[in-house]
Amino acid sequence: MTDDQLESSYDDYGVTSQTSTSPPFLKQILPKLLGFGLLCGIIVSLTVILTVTLILTREKYKRRVVIATRLSTTPLIANRYYINEDQDISQYRYNSLPAYFQKRNASGEVDEHDYLIFEATSLAALPKSDFDVDASKFVWSSQRVPTSDPDNQQWRHVDLNDATVIDPEVSSPLGIAQPRVVYSEDRETYFMFYVTKGKDGKGDTIRQLAMRHLPKTEWEQGNFGPGAWSAEKAVLAHITSVDAGVMLHKSFNNDTYLFFGEHPNIRIARAVDGDLEDWEELPSKDSQNILLRPRDGRHSDEVSFDSERVSPGPVPLQLSEDQGGHYLFLYNSRQVVDGYQKENGRDFWNFRGDIGYVILDRDDNTKVIDRASVPLLSPTLDWERCDFSTKSQFHTGSVVGLEPNTVQVAGWKRIGEPEEDRFLIYYSGCGSFIGAAELKVQFQK
């Protein structure tokens, strides 16, 4: 059948034949429709690209701020010279550097009460001055009632006889200091890093990093006092001027890092083959083993709060996804100030100690992507400055602190929901008292 015959057959059955020729108006509008569709596609694509770009770089368009608010104007733990009717007192003269300790039961559940392990020091038997002290040790205290209410904070009395956690070894005649406690979920073990203080052959003071661990067989029985922790082990023993050290376990690439202070910087070490008791420094090439240095400006007109020294605070904690999932790392700092040499009980003390912070990259925990431009917390209260001139809160008599005009942080925990980025820090003031403050991380609107 030919094409003409096929067309005739269709007509016979009442089917109207159609040609492939388009109507004139389609020929006119089709290019315009195609052009409009292409334009819309370009606009949509650009919108998507711009949106993704803004999301990925929003930290460049928003300013992250960390705000600290003290929970109380009075310390949580004070010595017997401080009049505080709402608190028990410590029998130790000086109480400082509180490390937060999450006590667990046999099932691994965290106790609702907050526990602190901190540095405690008494005067020598026959002190020649208020700074003639015994070897410092680690003791503990806990909340009597689990609460974050600043008006209802009651802490366990710190007794000389039953509050000891760790006594210094014979090799540390000046004591132990700067405790930092980290719990490893996968190993079900607590790790404590701290500084031992002794003398070298020339009689000069040396400060070395050490560590211990508390295994599950001990903590599940409620033991964390003398004898429960493992034997003391030196960490990076060749370094003799350590300020403090803290471990970041299982970081982005499954490495475990140790951030430690060696005057005046914060340096980086790494666990060898995953062994959390064997450490090596990162290569010194291009200063890869230095996490943070003091800020420039020590001898300028505008002295930075962290221009003299920086040292590590507690373990870094991860922020929410809204904050990029980065890590917040607190650090203690020092600057030289004029006109403070003979004030507040200690001669020739011309320092001020503040608390600052950095943000560590989630994909490279050894990379600092943001740093505080002003102190997060500075000494302003009487018991933070060792300013006892009014005696309004103190018994009469000699009242001094080991570190005037100084606040330092060694412990903290997350509070609220993870997306809130809220934290509770425990800090010391004047090297003698312990207080608390709340931190809030947010983007400035």
Protein backbone atom coordinates (compact mmCIF):
# COMPACT_ATOMS: atom_id res chain seq x y z
CA MET A 1 0.00 0.00 0.00
CA THR A 2 1.34 3.36 -0.99
CA ASP A 3 1.39 6.42 1.26
CA ASP A 4 -1.52 7.94 -0.69
CA GLN A 5 -3.54 4.78 -0.27
CA LEU A 6 -2.69 4.67 3.50
CA GLU A 7 -3.83 8.29 3.92
CA SER A 8 -7.08 7.50 2.04
CA SER A 9 -7.70 4.53 4.30
CA TYR A 10 -7.36 6.75 7.41
CA ASP A 11 -9.82 9.21 5.91
CA ASP A 12 -12.28 6.48 5.20
CA TYR A 13 -12.36 5.55 8.88
CA GLY A 14 -12.94 9.17 9.89
CA VAL A 15 -9.44 9.83 11.06
CA THR A 16 -8.24 13.26 10.06
CA SER A 17 -4.71 13.18 8.78
CA GLN A 18 -2.19 15.70 10.34
CA THR A 19 1.01 17.06 8.95
CA SER A 20 4.19 17.78 10.91
CA THR A 21 4.04 21.45 10.12
CA SER A 22 3.72 23.61 13.34
CA PRO A 23 1.25 26.48 13.51
CA PRO A 24 2.79 29.92 12.88
CA PHE A 25 2.30 31.15 16.50
CA LEU A 26 4.37 28.22 17.90
CA LYS A 27 7.23 29.13 15.61
CA GLN A 28 7.17 32.61 17.12
CA ILE A 29 6.78 31.73 20.81
CA LEU A 30 8.89 28.57 21.07
CA PRO A 31 12.29 30.34 20.97
CA LYS A 32 11.05 32.76 23.62
CA LEU A 33 9.91 29.88 25.84
CA LEU A 34 13.22 28.13 25.43
CA GLY A 35 15.10 31.32 26.24
CA PHE A 36 12.94 31.96 29.31
CA GLY A 37 13.43 28.41 30.50
CA LEU A 38 17.18 28.70 30.07
CA LEU A 39 17.17 31.97 32.01
CA CYS A 40 15.15 30.39 34.84
CA GLY A 41 17.56 27.48 34.95
CA ILE A 42 20.51 29.82 35.23
CA ILE A 43 18.81 31.79 38.01
CA VAL A 44 17.97 28.63 39.95
CA SER A 45 21.51 27.31 39.54
CA LEU A 46 23.03 30.58 40.69
CA THR A 47 20.65 30.67 43.65
CA VAL A 48 21.65 27.16 44.70
CA ILE A 49 25.36 27.94 44.31
CA LEU A 50 25.01 31.17 46.28
CA THR A 51 23.04 29.46 49.05
CA VAL A 52 25.55 26.65 49.41
CA THR A 53 28.40 29.15 49.37
CA LEU A 54 26.78 31.22 52.10
CA ILE A 55 26.17 28.12 54.21
CA LEU A 56 29.74 26.90 53.81
CA THR A 57 31.23 30.32 54.54
CA ARG A 58 28.70 31.69 56.99
CA GLU A 59 31.37 32.00 59.64
CA LYS A 60 32.85 34.73 57.47
CA TYR A 61 29.56 36.59 57.43
CA LYS A 62 28.67 36.08 61.10
CA ARG A 63 30.79 36.80 64.12
CA ARG A 64 31.02 34.00 66.64
CA VAL A 65 30.97 35.16 70.25
CA VAL A 66 31.53 33.26 73.48
CA ILE A 67 29.92 34.86 76.52
CA ALA A 68 30.88 34.04 80.12
CA THR A 69 28.52 34.73 83.04
CA ARG A 70 29.58 34.09 86.62
CA LEU A 71 27.10 31.98 88.58
CA SER A 72 27.87 33.80 91.80
CA THR A 73 29.98 36.62 93.18
CA THR A 74 31.13 34.37 96.01
CA PRO A 75 33.33 31.28 95.62
CA LEU A 76 31.96 27.74 95.75
CA ILE A 77 34.93 26.47 97.74
CA ALA A 78 36.89 28.78 100.03
CA ASN A 79 39.37 28.53 102.86
CA ARG A 80 38.53 29.24 106.47
CA TYR A 81 39.42 32.92 106.13
CA TYR A 82 36.49 33.59 103.83
CA ILE A 83 33.12 34.31 105.46
CA ASN A 84 30.47 32.53 103.44
CA GLU A 85 27.52 31.27 105.46
CA ASP A 86 26.08 29.26 102.56
CA GLN A 87 29.19 27.18 101.96
CA ASP A 88 31.33 24.73 103.84
CA ILE A 89 35.00 25.66 103.94
CA SER A 90 38.16 23.87 102.96
CA GLN A 91 40.69 23.06 105.64
CA TYR A 92 43.41 23.74 103.08
CA ARG A 93 44.82 27.26 102.84
CA TYR A 94 44.93 27.32 99.05
CA ASN A 95 42.49 25.58 96.67
CA SER A 96 42.83 25.91 92.92
CA LEU A 97 42.62 24.43 89.42
CA PRO A 98 39.44 22.32 89.72
CA ALA A 99 39.21 19.47 87.21
CA TYR A 100 35.66 18.25 86.49
CA PHE A 101 35.21 14.56 87.28
CA GLN A 102 32.16 12.62 86.05
CA LYS A 103 31.74 9.87 88.61
CA ARG A 104 30.07 6.72 87.21
CA ASN A 105 28.39 3.76 88.84
CA ALA A 106 28.84 0.08 87.96
CA SER A 107 26.38 0.43 85.05
CA GLY A 108 28.34 3.33 83.61
CA GLU A 109 25.67 5.89 84.47
CA VAL A 110 26.99 9.34 85.37
CA ASP A 111 26.30 10.57 88.89
CA GLU A 112 24.05 13.64 88.93
CA HIS A 113 26.32 15.36 91.44
CA ASP A 114 29.28 17.33 90.09
CA TYR A 115 32.67 16.18 91.41
CA LEU A 116 35.85 18.25 91.39
CA ILE A 117 39.45 17.11 91.76
CA PHE A 118 41.66 20.07 92.54
CA GLU A 119 45.02 21.22 93.81
CA ALA A 120 45.17 21.84 97.57
CA THR A 121 48.02 23.32 99.59
CA SER A 122 48.58 23.91 103.29
CA LEU A 123 51.09 26.12 105.05
CA ALA A 124 54.29 24.51 106.23
CA ALA A 125 54.51 23.41 109.88
CA LEU A 126 56.55 26.47 110.84
CA PRO A 127 55.91 28.88 107.97
CA LYS A 128 58.22 31.85 107.54
CA SER A 129 55.61 33.57 105.36
CA ASP A 130 52.20 32.98 103.84
CA PHE A 131 53.96 31.50 100.82
CA ASP A 132 55.97 28.94 102.77
CA VAL A 133 53.83 25.90 101.97
CA ASP A 134 53.79 22.12 102.09
CA ALA A 135 53.84 20.03 98.93
CA SER A 136 50.56 20.42 97.06
CA LYS A 137 48.28 17.40 96.52
CA PHE A 138 44.98 16.55 94.82
CA VAL A 139 41.75 16.41 96.81
CA TRP A 140 38.08 16.18 95.91
CA SER A 141 34.72 17.67 96.71
CA SER A 142 31.20 17.21 95.34
CA GLN A 143 27.84 18.91 95.37
CA ARG A 144 25.65 18.03 98.33
CA VAL A 145 22.62 18.55 96.10
CA PRO A 146 22.86 18.15 92.28
CA THR A 147 21.93 21.58 90.94
CA SER A 148 23.18 24.37 88.70
CA ASP A 149 21.24 26.96 90.69
CA PRO A 150 23.83 29.54 91.78
CA ASP A 151 21.81 30.37 94.88
CA ASN A 152 21.67 26.78 96.06
CA GLN A 153 25.25 25.56 95.68
CA GLN A 154 26.40 23.50 98.65
CA TRP A 155 29.61 21.56 98.43
CA ARG A 156 31.08 18.80 100.56
CA HIS A 157 33.46 19.93 103.29
CA VAL A 158 37.09 19.39 102.27
CA ASP A 159 38.77 17.69 105.19
CA LEU A 160 42.50 17.19 105.63
CA ASN A 161 42.07 13.50 106.41
CA ASP A 162 39.49 12.01 104.04
CA ALA A 163 39.45 14.08 100.83
CA THR A 164 42.77 13.04 99.30
CA VAL A 165 42.82 11.72 95.73
CA ILE A 166 46.55 11.60 95.00
CA ASP A 167 49.55 12.43 97.18
CA PRO A 168 52.81 13.56 95.58
CA GLU A 169 55.57 11.03 95.09
CA VAL A 170 58.92 11.36 96.85
CA SER A 171 60.32 12.51 93.50
CA SER A 172 58.00 15.53 93.61
CA PRO A 173 59.03 17.30 96.84
CA LEU A 174 57.24 20.50 95.81
CA GLY A 175 54.02 18.67 95.07
CA ILE A 176 51.72 18.08 92.11
CA ALA A 177 49.63 20.62 90.20
CA GLN A 178 47.33 21.36 87.28
CA PRO A 179 45.09 18.24 87.17
CA ARG A 180 43.15 17.50 83.97
CA VAL A 181 40.75 14.52 83.83
CA VAL A 182 39.52 12.91 80.59
CA TYR A 183 37.22 9.89 80.29
CA SER A 184 37.69 7.48 77.37
CA GLU A 185 34.36 5.90 76.40
CA ASP A 186 35.82 3.08 74.34
CA ARG A 187 38.35 2.11 77.02
CA GLU A 188 36.03 2.79 79.96
CA THR A 189 38.96 4.44 81.68
CA TYR A 190 39.70 7.83 83.22
CA PHE A 191 43.01 9.46 82.37
CA MET A 192 44.56 12.17 84.51
CA PHE A 193 47.36 14.44 83.31
CA TYR A 194 49.15 16.70 85.75
CA VAL A 195 52.43 18.45 86.56
CA THR A 196 55.02 17.22 89.06
CA LYS A 197 57.20 19.80 90.78
CA GLY A 198 60.73 18.98 91.90
CA LYS A 199 64.35 20.07 91.85
CA ASP A 200 67.17 19.24 89.47
CA GLY A 201 70.80 18.61 90.43
CA LYS A 202 71.48 22.36 90.53
CA GLY A 203 68.58 23.04 92.83
CA ASP A 204 66.46 24.67 90.15
CA THR A 205 62.73 23.97 90.03
CA ILE A 206 61.57 21.60 87.31
CA ARG A 207 57.99 20.97 86.19
CA GLN A 208 57.35 17.73 84.30
CA LEU A 209 54.21 16.20 82.84
CA ALA A 210 52.88 12.95 84.29
CA MET A 211 49.78 10.79 83.94
CA ARG A 212 47.76 8.10 85.68
CA HIS A 213 44.65 6.13 84.76
CA LEU A 214 41.64 4.90 86.71
CA PRO A 215 40.36 1.56 85.35
CA LYS A 216 36.76 0.38 85.42
CA THR A 217 37.53 -2.20 88.08
CA GLU A 218 38.12 0.72 90.45
CA TRP A 219 35.62 3.38 89.46
CA GLU A 220 32.68 0.97 89.23
CA GLN A 221 33.24 0.32 92.93
CA GLY A 222 33.20 4.05 93.61
CA ASN A 223 36.96 4.18 94.20
CA PHE A 224 38.92 7.19 93.02
CA GLY A 225 41.06 7.99 96.05
CA PRO A 226 44.57 6.87 97.04
CA GLY A 227 45.51 3.50 95.61
CA ALA A 228 42.75 3.47 92.98
CA TRP A 229 44.76 5.24 90.28
CA SER A 230 47.60 3.55 88.43
CA ALA A 231 51.23 4.27 89.20
CA GLU A 232 52.57 7.61 88.06
CA LYS A 233 54.13 7.63 84.61
CA ALA A 234 56.25 10.38 83.12
CA VAL A 235 55.12 11.94 79.83
CA LEU A 236 57.74 13.54 77.55
CA ALA A 237 60.17 13.36 80.45
CA HIS A 238 62.86 15.39 78.66
CA ILE A 239 60.72 18.53 78.94
CA THR A 240 61.21 20.20 82.34
CA SER A 241 59.19 23.43 82.07
CA VAL A 242 55.63 22.16 81.59
CA ASP A 243 52.64 24.31 82.58
CA ALA A 244 49.85 21.76 82.03
CA GLY A 245 48.65 19.06 79.65
CA VAL A 246 45.30 17.74 78.39
CA MET A 247 44.33 14.92 76.04
CA LEU A 248 41.93 15.08 73.08
CA HIS A 249 41.02 11.42 72.54
CA LYS A 250 39.86 10.01 69.19
CA SER A 251 40.03 13.16 67.13
CA PHE A 252 39.00 13.58 63.49
CA ASN A 253 41.50 11.07 62.07
CA ASN A 254 41.41 8.70 65.07
CA ASP A 255 44.65 10.20 66.35
CA THR A 256 44.83 11.13 70.01
CA TYR A 257 46.50 14.45 70.67
CA LEU A 258 48.07 15.86 73.80
CA PHE A 259 48.11 19.64 74.10
CA PHE A 260 50.69 20.70 76.66
CA GLY A 261 52.13 24.00 77.80
CA GLU A 262 55.86 24.55 77.60
CA HIS A 263 56.57 28.15 78.47
CA PRO A 264 55.42 30.25 76.71
CA ASN A 265 53.54 28.17 74.07
CA ILE A 266 50.96 25.40 73.83
CA ARG A 267 52.55 22.51 71.97
CA ILE A 268 51.23 19.27 70.45
CA ALA A 269 52.11 15.61 71.00
CA ARG A 270 50.46 12.47 69.63
CA ALA A 271 49.85 9.03 71.05
CA VAL A 272 52.18 6.42 69.56
CA ASP A 273 50.25 3.66 67.76
CA GLY A 274 47.12 4.42 69.75
CA ASP A 275 48.84 3.76 73.07
CA LEU A 276 47.50 6.44 75.41
CA GLU A 277 50.51 6.09 77.69
CA ASP A 278 53.23 6.52 75.06
CA TRP A 279 53.58 9.96 73.46
CA GLU A 280 55.70 11.66 70.83
CA GLU A 281 55.98 15.29 69.86
CA LEU A 282 54.77 16.31 66.42
CA PRO A 283 57.53 17.26 63.95
CA SER A 284 58.95 20.72 64.62
CA LYS A 285 59.17 21.52 60.90
CA ASP A 286 57.33 24.77 60.14
CA SER A 287 56.28 24.92 63.81
CA GLN A 288 53.73 22.15 63.28
CA ASN A 289 54.14 21.12 66.91
CA ILE A 290 52.97 24.49 68.27
CA LEU A 291 49.23 24.94 68.62
CA LEU A 292 49.19 28.41 70.12
CA ARG A 293 51.69 31.16 70.86
CA PRO A 294 51.40 34.27 73.00
CA ARG A 295 49.90 37.11 71.00
CA ASP A 296 52.19 39.85 69.70
CA GLY A 297 52.13 43.12 71.57
CA ARG A 298 54.04 42.43 74.76
CA HIS A 299 56.11 45.59 74.40
CA SER A 300 53.55 47.74 72.56
CA ASP A 301 51.26 50.39 73.97
CA GLU A 302 48.30 48.02 73.69
CA VAL A 303 49.35 44.87 75.53
CA SER A 304 47.27 41.80 74.68
CA PHE A 305 45.79 39.78 77.52
CA ASP A 306 47.72 36.71 76.34
CA SER A 307 51.02 38.34 75.41
CA GLU A 308 53.22 36.75 78.08
CA ARG A 309 52.19 33.09 78.20
CA VAL A 310 49.47 30.63 77.15
CA SER A 311 48.74 27.21 78.68
CA PRO A 312 46.02 24.61 78.09
CA GLY A 313 42.71 24.53 79.95
CA PRO A 314 40.39 21.50 80.05
CA VAL A 315 39.77 18.97 77.26
CA PRO A 316 38.37 20.56 74.05
CA LEU A 317 34.64 19.96 73.55
CA GLN A 318 32.86 19.75 70.20
CA LEU A 319 30.32 22.39 69.25
CA SER A 320 27.00 21.84 67.49
CA GLU A 321 26.57 21.57 63.73
CA ASP A 322 25.21 25.11 63.75
CA GLN A 323 28.69 26.12 64.91
CA GLY A 324 30.27 23.97 62.22
CA GLY A 325 31.01 21.04 64.52
CA HIS A 326 34.31 22.65 65.48
CA TYR A 327 35.98 22.29 68.89
CA LEU A 328 36.03 24.91 71.64
CA PHE A 329 39.32 24.94 73.53
CA LEU A 330 39.82 27.12 76.59
CA TYR A 331 43.27 28.31 77.59
CA ASN A 332 44.85 30.19 80.48
CA SER A 333 46.95 33.23 79.74
CA ARG A 334 49.18 35.77 81.40
CA GLN A 335 50.28 39.31 80.69
CA VAL A 336 52.67 41.66 82.44
CA VAL A 337 51.03 44.65 84.09
CA ASP A 338 52.60 47.70 85.66
CA GLY A 339 52.00 48.99 89.15
CA TYR A 340 51.11 45.63 90.71
CA GLN A 341 54.44 44.64 92.17
CA LYS A 342 53.63 45.20 95.85
CA GLU A 343 49.88 44.85 96.07
CA ASN A 344 47.56 42.25 97.54
CA GLY A 345 49.96 40.31 99.68
CA ARG A 346 52.69 39.25 97.29
CA ASP A 347 55.74 41.33 96.42
CA PHE A 348 57.07 41.54 92.88
CA TRP A 349 53.98 39.97 91.37
CA ASN A 350 53.34 41.95 88.19
CA PHE A 351 51.14 39.55 86.24
CA ARG A 352 47.48 39.26 85.41
CA GLY A 353 45.99 35.90 84.47
CA ASP A 354 42.93 35.61 82.22
CA ILE A 355 40.97 32.89 80.44
CA GLY A 356 40.75 32.89 76.64
CA TYR A 357 39.56 30.51 73.95
CA VAL A 358 40.30 29.26 70.46
CA ILE A 359 38.21 27.31 67.96
CA LEU A 360 39.89 24.18 66.58
CA ASP A 361 38.93 22.97 63.12
CA ARG A 362 36.73 19.86 63.13
CA ASP A 363 38.70 18.35 60.25
CA ASP A 364 42.12 19.18 61.67
CA ASN A 365 42.15 19.55 65.45
CA THR A 366 45.67 20.99 65.33
CA LYS A 367 44.47 24.00 63.30
CA VAL A 368 43.19 27.16 65.02
CA ILE A 369 40.48 28.88 62.98
CA ASP A 370 39.34 31.49 65.51
CA ARG A 371 40.79 33.10 68.62
CA ALA A 372 39.41 35.36 71.32
CA SER A 373 40.43 39.00 70.89
CA VAL A 374 39.53 39.86 74.49
CA PRO A 375 39.55 37.73 77.66
CA LEU A 376 36.66 35.38 78.22
CA LEU A 377 37.04 35.87 81.96
CA SER A 378 39.28 38.29 83.86
CA PRO A 379 39.94 38.73 87.59
CA THR A 380 37.52 41.37 88.86
CA LEU A 381 36.05 40.04 92.12
CA ASP A 382 37.89 40.39 95.43
CA TRP A 383 38.62 36.68 95.73
CA GLU A 384 39.87 36.57 92.12
CA ARG A 385 42.23 39.51 92.59
CA CYS A 386 43.33 38.73 96.17
CA ASP A 387 42.07 42.20 96.97
CA PHE A 388 41.18 41.93 100.64
CA SER A 389 41.56 45.58 101.54
CA THR A 390 37.96 46.04 102.69
CA LYS A 391 37.89 42.81 104.74
CA SER A 392 34.14 42.79 104.20
CA GLN A 393 34.09 39.12 103.23
CA PHE A 394 37.09 37.98 105.24
CA HIS A 395 38.14 37.33 108.78
CA THR A 396 40.69 39.82 110.03
CA GLY A 397 44.28 38.79 109.80
CA SER A 398 46.63 37.79 107.02
CA VAL A 399 44.66 36.70 103.95
CA VAL A 400 46.62 36.17 100.78
CA GLY A 401 46.59 34.09 97.62
CA LEU A 402 49.29 32.19 95.81
CA GLU A 403 48.55 33.86 92.47
CA PRO A 404 47.09 37.37 92.83
CA ASN A 405 45.07 38.94 90.04
CA THR A 406 44.56 35.59 88.31
CA VAL A 407 41.75 33.31 87.12
CA GLN A 408 42.42 29.87 85.62
CA VAL A 409 40.20 27.10 84.26
CA ALA A 410 40.85 23.35 84.41
CA GLY A 411 37.41 21.73 84.22
CA TRP A 412 34.06 22.08 82.49
CA LYS A 413 31.03 20.20 81.24
CA ARG A 414 28.26 20.60 78.66
CA ILE A 415 24.88 21.73 79.98
CA GLY A 416 21.49 21.88 78.28
CA GLU A 417 20.89 20.38 74.85
CA PRO A 418 23.87 19.87 72.50
CA GLU A 419 22.54 22.39 69.98
CA GLU A 420 22.49 25.09 72.67
CA ASP A 421 26.30 25.19 72.94
CA ARG A 422 26.19 25.97 76.66
CA PHE A 423 28.89 24.95 79.12
CA LEU A 424 29.58 25.19 82.83
CA ILE A 425 33.18 25.94 83.77
CA TYR A 426 34.86 25.55 87.13
CA TYR A 427 37.73 27.95 87.66
CA SER A 428 40.05 29.20 90.38
CA GLY A 429 40.72 32.75 91.50
CA CYS A 430 43.76 34.14 93.27
CA GLY A 431 45.23 30.61 93.34
CA SER A 432 43.09 30.04 96.43
CA PHE A 433 39.35 29.90 95.71
CA ILE A 434 37.04 28.01 93.34
CA GLY A 435 34.08 29.47 91.46
CA ALA A 436 31.85 28.69 88.48
CA ALA A 437 30.61 30.42 85.35
CA GLU A 438 28.38 29.59 82.39
CA LEU A 439 29.57 29.86 78.78
CA LYS A 440 27.33 30.40 75.77
CA VAL A 441 28.58 30.14 72.20
CA GLN A 442 26.52 31.86 69.52
CA PHE A 443 26.68 33.85 66.33
CA GLN A 444 26.19 37.54 66.84
CA LYS A 445 22.99 38.70 65.12
